[in-house]
Every structure is written in structure tokens, then in C-alpha cells.
Amino acid sequence: MKNRRSSFGSGSLRRAAERRGAAFTLMELLVVLAVIAILAAILLPSLGRARESARNVNCLGNLRQLQVCWHLYADDYAGVFVPNDWIDSQDTNSAGQKVNTDYVQTSWCVGNALTDTTTSNIQQGLLYPYNLSALIYHCPSDLSTIETNGDLLPQLRTRSYNMSQSVNGYGWMMNPDIYGFPIPVDAVQPCFESFSAVTNPPPSRLFVFIDENEATLQDDQFGFPCPGLGYGTCWWDMPSNRHSQGANLSFSDGHVEHWKWQAPMITTFSANYLPEISPGQMPDYTRVANAMRIVEIPPGNTNAL
């Protein structure tokens, strides 16, 4: 019995010693934590890029679905494009006050992306019956929120995309008499009204939907100033900068593309201020212009097409 007790006691001491030897020292614990931190620093950017890549694919899918709706509408109406008839005007009077000259008619989508709290306006659009999902109108990378009375709310916007003014944007409708004489909208932003009218650029290079910048997105049109109007080189509406300094576009032949910008697009500026294009942005500015119907307006002749 004595020997057995002695053996039992020595075994307990050995196991206790082994347990003490197996424990981490403070230095070892710090090394492990440092290794974990290094791995996290290496992996997290990759995971972030993978997540953004997935969102970009989702955004391209949204635009592809909207493009299908656009084609289906034209098929139902003998090749005539869906109306693109909602312009949020920024006209001001001599006192610098905004003049209420919003031009609103039945359109592919109505409502104001900056202030809409529900998708009811999207559901009233002419394209909605061709795909009953309001989710395809919103880019998953668009984290901008709605605004009420100048205050930003936590709720995400319901729409991220606009349609090029070049595709059936108001056509020959006359503006109200805001400058002392009526001006055809088409003289300012010329458009194609049907597939048969599309010539330059060709269908493969004429964009229809664009992932628009949250700083300019309100109405449903993406406008661009024609040369000769006196605006210089500025954005009326600006492409987004969400997808790794790029934006997504769909084209009238049905395909979609991701465009990477050479210079970043700003995301904040005053609604009454049209910023001049920096030299670094000129290639991207020209690229967007070449994907629209742009007509050179002779000086002093705003009615020329």
C-alpha cells in the first residue's frame, strides 16, 4: 500500500508539471495575437474586394434586367422607346430663387430618388409591369440615404439608376416660357425616339441606363450639355464612383459594361453649382459624351439640331 500511494503521488505531481509546461507564456500569447492581426490585415482587404465584386455583379445584373424591360416595351410599341419624361429643373429667376419648372409626364420611372420613402413611384413607372421587382432599381453598393427637409435619414434610397436623355427624353415638347421664349427640349438634349432612328452612336455604343452619382440623382434622366450652349465642360448629371472608382452602364443592343474612371467622381456638390471638369476627368467626360446623342449647337442658335 505504501508503494502504491507513493506511485500515485508522483504521477499527480508529473501531470501537474505537464500542465504547467503546456500553458502559453505571455510572450507566446503576444506572438499568436500578432500573427492573427497580420493575417487579418492581409485577408480583410481581399474579403472586402470580393464583397464589392459580388455587389458589382449584382448591379450589372440589375441593369441587364432593366435593359430587358426596356427592350420588351419597345417590342410592344413597334420599336418606339419608353418615354423618359421627368426632369428636375434647376432654373432660377433673377432673384436667385428656384423656379418650379419640373417637367413631369408619364415616364419609365417617376418620383424623386432623393426623397422617395417607398417604391410606390417606381411601381407607377411604365417599365415596372415588365419586372415586378423594385429591388432591381437599386445598386447594392449605393449606401446613400433619403433626405427630408434637408435632413438625411438612415433609410437607403429606393433607386440608383437613371436613363440617358438620348433615348426618348421629352423629344419635341416645348419648355414653359421661362426665358421669355419657348425652347424645344430636344434642341438642348437631342434624343432618339426609336430603334430605327439610332445612328450615331450605334446601338452597341449608345448607353441607356447608368449607375448615377448620389450627388446628382433625383429625377429619372441622365442629362449632358451639348457643345455651344454656353455651359462649358461640366456635368449636368454625374456617373457614380461606387464600384472601385467606376460605374455600370447598359447599352441599347442589350449588353452591360463596367467603366473604370481615370479620375474619381466627386460625391458632393451644390445642386445649383455645375462644376467644371478637371483635366484628369476629360477622358471620362468625353467617353460618356460619345455614348450619347450629342449635337453641336451653333452659337446663338439653340433651335439647331
Protein backbone atom coordinates (compact mmCIF):
# COMPACT_ATOMS: atom_id res chain seq x y z
CA MET A 1 0.00 0.00 0.00
CA LYS A 2 2.83 2.32 0.80
CA ASN A 3 4.40 1.83 -2.64
CA ARG A 4 1.09 2.36 -4.39
CA ARG A 5 0.47 5.63 -2.52
CA SER A 6 3.97 6.76 -3.41
CA SER A 7 3.37 5.97 -7.08
CA PHE A 8 0.06 7.79 -7.08
CA GLY A 9 1.62 10.86 -5.56
CA SER A 10 4.47 11.04 -8.06
CA GLY A 11 2.05 10.68 -11.00
CA SER A 12 -0.08 13.59 -9.81
CA LEU A 13 3.00 15.75 -9.47
CA ARG A 14 4.10 14.79 -13.02
CA ARG A 15 0.72 15.63 -14.54
CA ALA A 16 0.65 18.98 -12.71
CA ALA A 17 4.09 19.77 -14.05
CA GLU A 18 3.00 18.82 -17.58
CA ARG A 19 0.01 21.13 -17.30
CA ARG A 20 2.24 23.96 -16.20
CA GLY A 21 4.60 23.32 -19.09
CA ALA A 22 1.76 23.23 -21.70
CA ALA A 23 0.41 26.70 -20.83
CA PHE A 24 1.17 29.74 -23.06
CA THR A 25 3.62 32.25 -21.74
CA LEU A 26 2.75 35.94 -22.14
CA MET A 27 5.31 36.27 -24.92
CA GLU A 28 3.86 33.31 -26.84
CA LEU A 29 0.36 34.75 -26.49
CA LEU A 30 1.52 38.09 -27.86
CA VAL A 31 3.16 36.36 -30.81
CA VAL A 32 -0.06 34.47 -31.60
CA LEU A 33 -2.10 37.67 -31.42
CA ALA A 34 0.40 39.42 -33.69
CA VAL A 35 0.16 36.61 -36.26
CA ILE A 36 -3.65 36.78 -36.17
CA ALA A 37 -3.52 40.56 -36.67
CA ILE A 38 -1.17 40.18 -39.64
CA LEU A 39 -3.41 37.54 -41.24
CA ALA A 40 -6.46 39.74 -40.70
CA ALA A 41 -4.68 42.70 -42.29
CA ILE A 42 -3.85 40.52 -45.30
CA LEU A 43 -7.24 38.84 -45.66
CA LEU A 44 -9.72 41.62 -44.83
CA PRO A 45 -8.92 43.77 -47.91
CA SER A 46 -9.29 40.67 -50.07
CA LEU A 47 -12.61 39.89 -48.45
CA GLY A 48 -13.69 43.50 -48.96
CA ARG A 49 -12.75 43.34 -52.64
CA ALA A 50 -14.60 40.05 -53.01
CA ARG A 51 -17.70 41.56 -51.39
CA GLU A 52 -17.56 44.61 -53.66
CA SER A 53 -17.00 42.37 -56.68
CA ALA A 54 -20.18 40.47 -55.77
CA ARG A 55 -22.08 43.74 -55.42
CA ASN A 56 -20.78 44.88 -58.78
CA VAL A 57 -22.01 41.67 -60.40
CA ASN A 58 -25.39 42.21 -58.72
CA CYS A 59 -25.52 45.78 -60.04
CA LEU A 60 -24.72 44.62 -63.57
CA GLY A 61 -27.49 42.05 -63.21
CA ASN A 62 -29.94 44.77 -62.20
CA LEU A 63 -29.06 46.84 -65.24
CA ARG A 64 -29.35 43.82 -67.50
CA GLN A 65 -32.87 43.15 -66.18
CA LEU A 66 -33.87 46.79 -66.65
CA GLN A 67 -32.47 46.66 -70.16
CA VAL A 68 -34.62 43.61 -70.91
CA CYS A 69 -37.67 45.55 -69.67
CA TRP A 70 -36.69 48.45 -71.95
CA HIS A 71 -36.49 46.12 -74.96
CA LEU A 72 -39.79 44.43 -74.13
CA TYR A 73 -41.54 47.80 -74.01
CA ALA A 74 -40.10 48.77 -77.40
CA ASP A 75 -41.19 45.41 -78.83
CA ASP A 76 -44.74 46.13 -77.65
CA TYR A 77 -44.74 49.61 -79.23
CA ALA A 78 -43.33 48.98 -82.70
CA GLY A 79 -39.75 49.84 -81.76
CA VAL A 80 -40.56 53.15 -80.03
CA PHE A 81 -38.64 53.62 -76.77
CA VAL A 82 -40.35 54.02 -73.43
CA PRO A 83 -40.95 57.71 -72.56
CA ASN A 84 -38.21 59.26 -70.46
CA ASP A 85 -40.17 62.29 -69.32
CA TRP A 86 -39.31 63.54 -65.83
CA ILE A 87 -36.80 66.33 -65.47
CA ASP A 88 -35.99 68.01 -62.15
CA SER A 89 -35.22 71.55 -63.27
CA GLN A 90 -32.71 73.79 -61.51
CA ASP A 91 -33.88 77.00 -63.21
CA THR A 92 -33.64 80.17 -61.13
CA ASN A 93 -35.19 83.59 -61.55
CA SER A 94 -33.43 86.98 -61.43
CA ALA A 95 -33.61 86.92 -57.62
CA GLY A 96 -31.71 83.64 -57.49
CA GLN A 97 -34.79 81.66 -56.38
CA LYS A 98 -35.54 78.26 -57.90
CA VAL A 99 -38.38 78.36 -60.40
CA ASN A 100 -40.78 75.42 -60.19
CA THR A 101 -40.37 74.19 -63.75
CA ASP A 102 -40.10 70.44 -63.17
CA TYR A 103 -41.24 68.69 -66.33
CA VAL A 104 -43.22 65.64 -65.25
CA GLN A 105 -45.17 63.31 -67.52
CA THR A 106 -45.74 59.56 -67.70
CA SER A 107 -42.31 58.01 -67.78
CA TRP A 108 -40.33 54.78 -67.40
CA CYS A 109 -39.98 55.75 -63.74
CA VAL A 110 -41.31 58.69 -61.76
CA GLY A 111 -40.56 60.13 -58.35
CA ASN A 112 -37.53 61.71 -56.72
CA ALA A 113 -34.77 59.30 -55.68
CA LEU A 114 -33.55 61.78 -53.09
CA THR A 115 -36.84 61.97 -51.17
CA ASP A 116 -38.94 58.88 -52.00
CA THR A 117 -39.54 56.82 -48.86
CA THR A 118 -41.33 53.95 -50.63
CA THR A 119 -41.18 52.22 -54.01
CA SER A 120 -44.68 53.40 -54.99
CA ASN A 121 -43.31 55.80 -57.63
CA ILE A 122 -41.18 53.04 -59.12
CA GLN A 123 -44.28 50.86 -59.32
CA GLN A 124 -46.09 53.60 -61.28
CA GLY A 125 -43.39 53.63 -63.96
CA LEU A 126 -44.03 52.22 -67.42
CA LEU A 127 -41.29 49.58 -67.11
CA TYR A 128 -42.42 48.12 -63.78
CA PRO A 129 -45.06 45.76 -65.32
CA TYR A 130 -42.26 44.00 -67.21
CA ASN A 131 -40.48 43.06 -63.96
CA LEU A 132 -42.35 43.33 -60.67
CA SER A 133 -39.23 43.66 -58.52
CA ALA A 134 -38.44 47.14 -57.23
CA LEU A 135 -35.09 45.83 -55.99
CA ILE A 136 -33.58 45.91 -59.48
CA TYR A 137 -33.77 49.72 -59.39
CA HIS A 138 -31.24 49.95 -56.55
CA CYS A 139 -27.50 49.28 -56.66
CA PRO A 140 -26.33 47.17 -53.67
CA SER A 141 -23.25 49.38 -53.35
CA ASP A 142 -25.35 52.54 -53.13
CA LEU A 143 -25.37 53.41 -49.43
CA SER A 144 -26.78 56.92 -49.91
CA THR A 145 -29.90 57.72 -47.90
CA ILE A 146 -33.06 59.70 -48.49
CA GLU A 147 -33.46 63.31 -47.46
CA THR A 148 -36.41 65.14 -45.91
CA ASN A 149 -36.42 68.92 -45.48
CA GLY A 150 -32.68 68.96 -45.90
CA ASP A 151 -32.07 66.28 -43.27
CA LEU A 152 -30.51 62.96 -44.18
CA LEU A 153 -32.42 59.94 -42.84
CA PRO A 154 -30.99 56.44 -42.21
CA GLN A 155 -33.23 54.84 -44.86
CA LEU A 156 -31.49 53.84 -48.10
CA ARG A 157 -32.76 55.29 -51.36
CA THR A 158 -35.05 53.18 -53.50
CA ARG A 159 -33.37 53.97 -56.85
CA SER A 160 -29.77 54.28 -58.05
CA TYR A 161 -30.14 54.30 -61.84
CA ASN A 162 -31.08 56.87 -64.45
CA MET A 163 -31.88 56.66 -68.14
CA SER A 164 -29.93 58.59 -70.75
CA GLN A 165 -31.72 61.67 -72.08
CA SER A 166 -30.62 60.42 -75.51
CA VAL A 167 -33.33 57.74 -75.55
CA ASN A 168 -36.78 59.32 -75.96
CA GLY A 169 -36.21 62.09 -73.45
CA TYR A 170 -39.06 64.52 -73.98
CA GLY A 171 -38.49 64.74 -77.72
CA TRP A 172 -40.05 67.85 -79.20
CA MET A 173 -42.02 69.03 -76.15
CA MET A 174 -41.74 72.78 -75.64
CA ASN A 175 -40.44 74.09 -72.33
CA PRO A 176 -42.61 76.58 -70.46
CA ASP A 177 -41.90 80.20 -71.23
CA ILE A 178 -39.22 80.64 -68.57
CA TYR A 179 -36.65 82.64 -70.53
CA GLY A 180 -39.03 84.93 -72.38
CA PHE A 181 -39.49 82.45 -75.25
CA PRO A 182 -40.23 78.70 -75.52
CA ILE A 183 -37.35 76.31 -76.22
CA PRO A 184 -37.73 72.76 -77.54
CA VAL A 185 -36.16 70.37 -75.06
CA ASP A 186 -34.79 68.37 -77.97
CA ALA A 187 -32.71 71.38 -79.01
CA VAL A 188 -30.90 71.21 -75.68
CA GLN A 189 -30.74 67.45 -75.29
CA PRO A 190 -31.36 65.70 -78.62
CA CYS A 191 -32.69 62.18 -78.44
CA PHE A 192 -33.53 59.07 -80.42
CA GLU A 193 -37.18 58.04 -80.20
CA SER A 194 -37.00 54.56 -81.73
CA PHE A 195 -34.58 51.83 -82.78
CA SER A 196 -34.85 52.89 -86.41
CA ALA A 197 -33.59 56.39 -85.50
CA VAL A 198 -30.42 55.23 -83.75
CA THR A 199 -27.45 56.05 -85.95
CA ASN A 200 -24.60 57.81 -84.17
CA PRO A 201 -23.53 56.37 -81.82
CA PRO A 202 -24.62 52.90 -82.96
CA PRO A 203 -26.76 50.69 -80.66
CA SER A 204 -23.70 48.91 -79.27
CA ARG A 205 -22.26 52.23 -78.04
CA LEU A 206 -25.46 54.12 -77.07
CA PHE A 207 -25.98 53.71 -73.34
CA VAL A 208 -29.49 53.52 -71.88
CA PHE A 209 -29.19 53.05 -68.09
CA ILE A 210 -26.36 54.32 -65.92
CA ASP A 211 -25.36 53.90 -62.31
CA GLU A 212 -25.67 57.58 -61.34
CA ASN A 213 -23.82 59.52 -58.69
CA GLU A 214 -25.76 60.07 -55.46
CA ALA A 215 -24.80 63.77 -55.59
CA THR A 216 -26.90 64.36 -58.73
CA LEU A 217 -29.53 61.62 -58.70
CA GLN A 218 -33.05 62.98 -58.24
CA ASP A 219 -35.18 62.76 -61.40
CA ASP A 220 -35.10 59.80 -63.81
CA GLN A 221 -32.93 61.29 -66.58
CA PHE A 222 -29.20 61.48 -67.14
CA GLY A 223 -28.57 64.75 -68.97
CA PHE A 224 -25.46 66.06 -70.67
CA PRO A 225 -24.84 69.58 -72.10
CA CYS A 226 -24.36 69.81 -75.84
CA PRO A 227 -21.45 71.94 -77.06
CA GLY A 228 -22.41 75.50 -77.95
CA LEU A 229 -24.93 76.03 -75.14
CA GLY A 230 -22.53 78.12 -73.07
CA TYR A 231 -22.20 75.69 -70.16
CA GLY A 232 -18.57 74.90 -70.85
CA THR A 233 -17.41 71.46 -69.79
CA CYS A 234 -19.46 70.46 -66.78
CA TRP A 235 -21.63 67.61 -65.55
CA TRP A 236 -25.39 68.09 -65.56
CA ASP A 237 -25.64 64.59 -64.11
CA MET A 238 -22.64 62.61 -62.94
CA PRO A 239 -21.80 58.89 -63.11
CA SER A 240 -21.33 57.06 -59.84
CA ASN A 241 -17.98 56.44 -58.22
CA ARG A 242 -19.13 53.39 -56.24
CA HIS A 243 -17.60 50.36 -57.94
CA SER A 244 -13.86 50.78 -57.31
CA GLN A 245 -13.91 54.25 -58.88
CA GLY A 246 -16.27 53.24 -61.65
CA ALA A 247 -19.87 52.87 -62.75
CA ASN A 248 -22.03 50.37 -64.63
CA LEU A 249 -23.96 51.06 -67.82
CA SER A 250 -26.34 49.18 -70.11
CA PHE A 251 -26.50 49.70 -73.87
CA SER A 252 -29.29 49.73 -76.41
CA ASP A 253 -28.16 46.46 -78.00
CA GLY A 254 -28.73 44.74 -74.64
CA HIS A 255 -25.24 44.30 -73.17
CA VAL A 256 -23.88 45.83 -69.96
CA GLU A 257 -20.42 47.14 -69.10
CA HIS A 258 -18.37 48.30 -66.12
CA TRP A 259 -16.47 51.52 -66.77
CA LYS A 260 -13.44 52.37 -64.66
CA TRP A 261 -12.76 56.11 -64.32
CA GLN A 262 -9.32 57.58 -64.76
CA ALA A 263 -10.10 60.23 -62.13
CA PRO A 264 -12.55 59.90 -59.22
CA MET A 265 -16.04 61.39 -59.46
CA ILE A 266 -16.87 63.71 -56.56
CA THR A 267 -19.86 62.74 -54.46
CA THR A 268 -20.89 66.12 -53.05
CA PHE A 269 -21.64 69.46 -54.65
CA SER A 270 -24.38 72.07 -54.57
CA ALA A 271 -27.45 71.40 -56.72
CA ASN A 272 -27.10 74.95 -58.10
CA TYR A 273 -23.44 74.55 -58.97
CA LEU A 274 -22.23 72.78 -62.10
CA PRO A 275 -18.52 72.05 -61.57
CA GLU A 276 -16.06 72.43 -64.39
CA ILE A 277 -14.36 69.23 -65.46
CA SER A 278 -10.79 68.89 -64.26
CA PRO A 279 -8.13 67.96 -66.84
CA GLY A 280 -7.90 64.49 -65.31
CA GLN A 281 -11.64 63.92 -65.85
CA MET A 282 -11.72 64.97 -69.50
CA PRO A 283 -11.14 61.45 -70.93
CA ASP A 284 -14.06 60.09 -68.86
CA TYR A 285 -16.24 63.11 -69.70
CA THR A 286 -15.59 62.60 -73.40
CA ARG A 287 -16.21 58.87 -73.09
CA VAL A 288 -19.68 59.45 -71.62
CA ALA A 289 -20.45 62.09 -74.28
CA ASN A 290 -19.51 59.66 -77.05
CA ALA A 291 -22.07 57.17 -75.69
CA MET A 292 -24.92 59.71 -76.06
CA ARG A 293 -26.51 61.60 -78.93
CA ILE A 294 -24.59 64.86 -78.81
CA VAL A 295 -25.31 67.63 -81.32
CA GLU A 296 -23.08 70.64 -81.81
CA ILE A 297 -25.24 73.72 -81.23
CA PRO A 298 -24.11 76.72 -83.34
CA PRO A 299 -23.58 79.83 -81.18
CA GLY A 300 -26.80 81.81 -80.78
CA ASN A 301 -28.97 79.10 -82.36
CA THR A 302 -30.49 76.91 -79.64
CA ASN A 303 -33.09 75.57 -82.08
CA ALA A 304 -30.49 73.90 -84.30
CA LEU A 305 -30.37 70.12 -84.43
